[in-house]
Amino acid sequence: MSDLATSAVIASQSQTQLSMANAMLKSAHQQDQAVVDMLSQAVEQGQAQAPAPASMGAAVDMTV
């Protein structure tokens, strides 16, 4: 009987550890997604701004 109880406790602990690992992975994914969203928004805002003036070097002349 004690072997059965021990097995049940070990299984419960394993399930708890797995649940905690899942929660941490989900949290890390949400944080990564927030960074991606922030960078995407910054890129979109940068593209929406007025183009650079003519003398700002938007194109590089490579002729020698």
N, C-alpha and C. Protein backbone atom coordinates (compact mmCIF):
# COMPACT_ATOMS: atom_id res chain seq x y z
N MET A 1 0.81 -1.19 0.00
CA MET A 1 0.00 0.00 0.00
C MET A 1 0.86 1.26 0.00
N SER A 2 1.97 1.25 0.72
CA SER A 2 2.81 2.43 0.77
C SER A 2 3.47 2.69 -0.58
N ASP A 3 3.75 1.62 -1.34
CA ASP A 3 4.32 1.81 -2.67
C ASP A 3 3.33 2.53 -3.59
N LEU A 4 2.07 2.21 -3.45
CA LEU A 4 1.04 2.85 -4.26
C LEU A 4 0.92 4.33 -3.89
N ALA A 5 0.97 4.63 -2.61
CA ALA A 5 0.89 6.02 -2.15
C ALA A 5 2.12 6.80 -2.62
N THR A 6 3.28 6.18 -2.53
CA THR A 6 4.51 6.84 -2.98
C THR A 6 4.44 7.14 -4.46
N SER A 7 3.97 6.18 -5.23
CA SER A 7 3.83 6.38 -6.68
C SER A 7 2.86 7.51 -6.99
N ALA A 8 1.79 7.60 -6.24
CA ALA A 8 0.80 8.66 -6.45
C ALA A 8 1.40 10.02 -6.14
N VAL A 9 2.19 10.11 -5.08
CA VAL A 9 2.83 11.38 -4.71
C VAL A 9 3.84 11.78 -5.78
N ILE A 10 4.62 10.83 -6.26
CA ILE A 10 5.62 11.13 -7.30
C ILE A 10 4.93 11.58 -8.58
N ALA A 11 3.85 10.92 -8.95
CA ALA A 11 3.10 11.31 -10.15
C ALA A 11 2.53 12.71 -10.00
N SER A 12 2.02 13.03 -8.84
CA SER A 12 1.46 14.35 -8.58
C SER A 12 2.54 15.43 -8.67
N GLN A 13 3.71 15.14 -8.10
CA GLN A 13 4.82 16.09 -8.16
C GLN A 13 5.28 16.30 -9.61
N SER A 14 5.34 15.23 -10.37
CA SER A 14 5.75 15.33 -11.77
C SER A 14 4.76 16.17 -12.56
N GLN A 15 3.48 15.97 -12.28
CA GLN A 15 2.45 16.73 -12.98
C GLN A 15 2.55 18.22 -12.61
N THR A 16 2.82 18.50 -11.34
CA THR A 16 2.98 19.88 -10.90
C THR A 16 4.18 20.53 -11.58
N GLN A 17 5.29 19.80 -11.66
CA GLN A 17 6.48 20.33 -12.32
C GLN A 17 6.22 20.59 -13.80
N LEU A 18 5.50 19.69 -14.45
CA LEU A 18 5.17 19.87 -15.85
C LEU A 18 4.26 21.08 -16.05
N SER A 19 3.31 21.26 -15.16
CA SER A 19 2.42 22.42 -15.25
C SER A 19 3.19 23.72 -15.06
N MET A 20 4.13 23.73 -14.14
CA MET A 20 4.94 24.92 -13.90
C MET A 20 5.83 25.21 -15.11
N ALA A 21 6.40 24.17 -15.70
CA ALA A 21 7.25 24.37 -16.87
C ALA A 21 6.42 24.92 -18.03
N ASN A 22 5.21 24.41 -18.21
CA ASN A 22 4.32 24.92 -19.25
C ASN A 22 3.99 26.39 -19.02
N ALA A 23 3.71 26.75 -17.79
CA ALA A 23 3.38 28.13 -17.47
C ALA A 23 4.57 29.05 -17.75
N MET A 24 5.77 28.61 -17.43
CA MET A 24 6.96 29.42 -17.69
C MET A 24 7.20 29.56 -19.19
N LEU A 25 7.00 28.50 -19.95
CA LEU A 25 7.17 28.58 -21.40
C LEU A 25 6.16 29.52 -22.03
N LYS A 26 4.91 29.46 -21.56
CA LYS A 26 3.89 30.36 -22.09
C LYS A 26 4.24 31.82 -21.77
N SER A 27 4.72 32.06 -20.56
CA SER A 27 5.10 33.41 -20.16
C SER A 27 6.26 33.92 -21.01
N ALA A 28 7.25 33.08 -21.24
CA ALA A 28 8.39 33.47 -22.06
C ALA A 28 7.94 33.76 -23.49
N HIS A 29 7.02 32.95 -24.00
CA HIS A 29 6.50 33.17 -25.36
C HIS A 29 5.76 34.50 -25.44
N GLN A 30 4.97 34.81 -24.44
CA GLN A 30 4.23 36.07 -24.44
C GLN A 30 5.20 37.26 -24.39
N GLN A 31 6.27 37.14 -23.62
CA GLN A 31 7.25 38.22 -23.55
C GLN A 31 7.96 38.38 -24.89
N ASP A 32 8.33 37.26 -25.51
CA ASP A 32 8.97 37.33 -26.82
C ASP A 32 8.03 37.95 -27.86
N GLN A 33 6.76 37.58 -27.80
CA GLN A 33 5.78 38.13 -28.75
C GLN A 33 5.61 39.63 -28.54
N ALA A 34 5.68 40.08 -27.29
CA ALA A 34 5.57 41.51 -27.01
C ALA A 34 6.75 42.27 -27.62
N VAL A 35 7.95 41.69 -27.55
CA VAL A 35 9.12 42.33 -28.15
C VAL A 35 8.98 42.38 -29.67
N VAL A 36 8.51 41.29 -30.26
CA VAL A 36 8.32 41.25 -31.71
C VAL A 36 7.28 42.29 -32.13
N ASP A 37 6.20 42.38 -31.39
CA ASP A 37 5.17 43.37 -31.71
C ASP A 37 5.72 44.79 -31.60
N MET A 38 6.52 45.04 -30.57
CA MET A 38 7.10 46.37 -30.38
C MET A 38 8.04 46.72 -31.53
N LEU A 39 8.88 45.77 -31.94
CA LEU A 39 9.80 46.01 -33.05
C LEU A 39 9.04 46.20 -34.37
N SER A 40 8.01 45.42 -34.59
CA SER A 40 7.21 45.56 -35.81
C SER A 40 6.56 46.94 -35.86
N GLN A 41 6.05 47.37 -34.73
CA GLN A 41 5.42 48.69 -34.67
C GLN A 41 6.44 49.80 -34.94
N ALA A 42 7.65 49.64 -34.41
CA ALA A 42 8.69 50.64 -34.64
C ALA A 42 9.07 50.70 -36.12
N VAL A 43 9.14 49.54 -36.76
CA VAL A 43 9.48 49.50 -38.18
C VAL A 43 8.37 50.16 -39.00
N GLU A 44 7.12 49.85 -38.67
CA GLU A 44 5.99 50.45 -39.39
C GLU A 44 5.98 51.96 -39.23
N GLN A 45 6.27 52.45 -38.05
CA GLN A 45 6.30 53.89 -37.82
C GLN A 45 7.46 54.53 -38.58
N GLY A 46 8.58 53.82 -38.66
CA GLY A 46 9.73 54.35 -39.39
C GLY A 46 9.45 54.45 -40.87
N GLN A 47 8.68 53.50 -41.41
CA GLN A 47 8.36 53.52 -42.82
C GLN A 47 7.31 54.57 -43.14
N ALA A 48 6.50 54.91 -42.15
CA ALA A 48 5.42 55.86 -42.37
C ALA A 48 5.92 57.31 -42.34
N GLN A 49 7.11 57.52 -41.83
CA GLN A 49 7.65 58.88 -41.75
C GLN A 49 8.02 59.39 -43.14
N ALA A 50 8.20 60.68 -43.24
CA ALA A 50 8.56 61.31 -44.51
C ALA A 50 9.91 60.78 -44.98
N PRO A 51 10.09 60.69 -46.27
CA PRO A 51 11.38 60.22 -46.79
C PRO A 51 12.50 61.21 -46.47
N ALA A 52 13.71 60.73 -46.51
CA ALA A 52 14.87 61.58 -46.20
C ALA A 52 15.03 62.66 -47.27
N PRO A 53 15.54 63.82 -46.88
CA PRO A 53 15.80 64.89 -47.87
C PRO A 53 16.81 64.42 -48.92
N ALA A 54 16.89 65.15 -50.03
CA ALA A 54 17.72 64.75 -51.16
C ALA A 54 19.19 64.58 -50.79
N SER A 55 19.71 65.37 -49.89
CA SER A 55 21.15 65.31 -49.59
C SER A 55 21.47 64.43 -48.39
N MET A 56 20.55 63.62 -47.94
CA MET A 56 20.78 62.81 -46.74
C MET A 56 21.47 61.47 -47.01
N GLY A 57 21.70 61.12 -48.25
CA GLY A 57 22.40 59.88 -48.54
C GLY A 57 21.51 58.67 -48.51
N ALA A 58 20.28 58.79 -49.00
CA ALA A 58 19.39 57.63 -49.06
C ALA A 58 19.90 56.61 -50.05
N ALA A 59 20.67 57.05 -51.06
CA ALA A 59 21.27 56.15 -52.03
C ALA A 59 22.77 56.41 -52.04
N VAL A 60 23.56 55.34 -52.22
CA VAL A 60 25.01 55.47 -52.22
C VAL A 60 25.50 55.34 -53.66
N ASP A 61 26.30 56.32 -54.10
CA ASP A 61 26.89 56.29 -55.44
C ASP A 61 28.21 55.56 -55.35
N MET A 62 28.28 54.38 -55.97
CA MET A 62 29.48 53.54 -55.89
C MET A 62 30.40 53.69 -57.09
N THR A 63 30.18 54.68 -57.97
CA THR A 63 31.06 54.84 -59.14
C THR A 63 32.41 55.37 -58.72
N VAL A 64 33.43 54.92 -59.42
CA VAL A 64 34.79 55.34 -59.09
C VAL A 64 35.41 56.00 -60.28
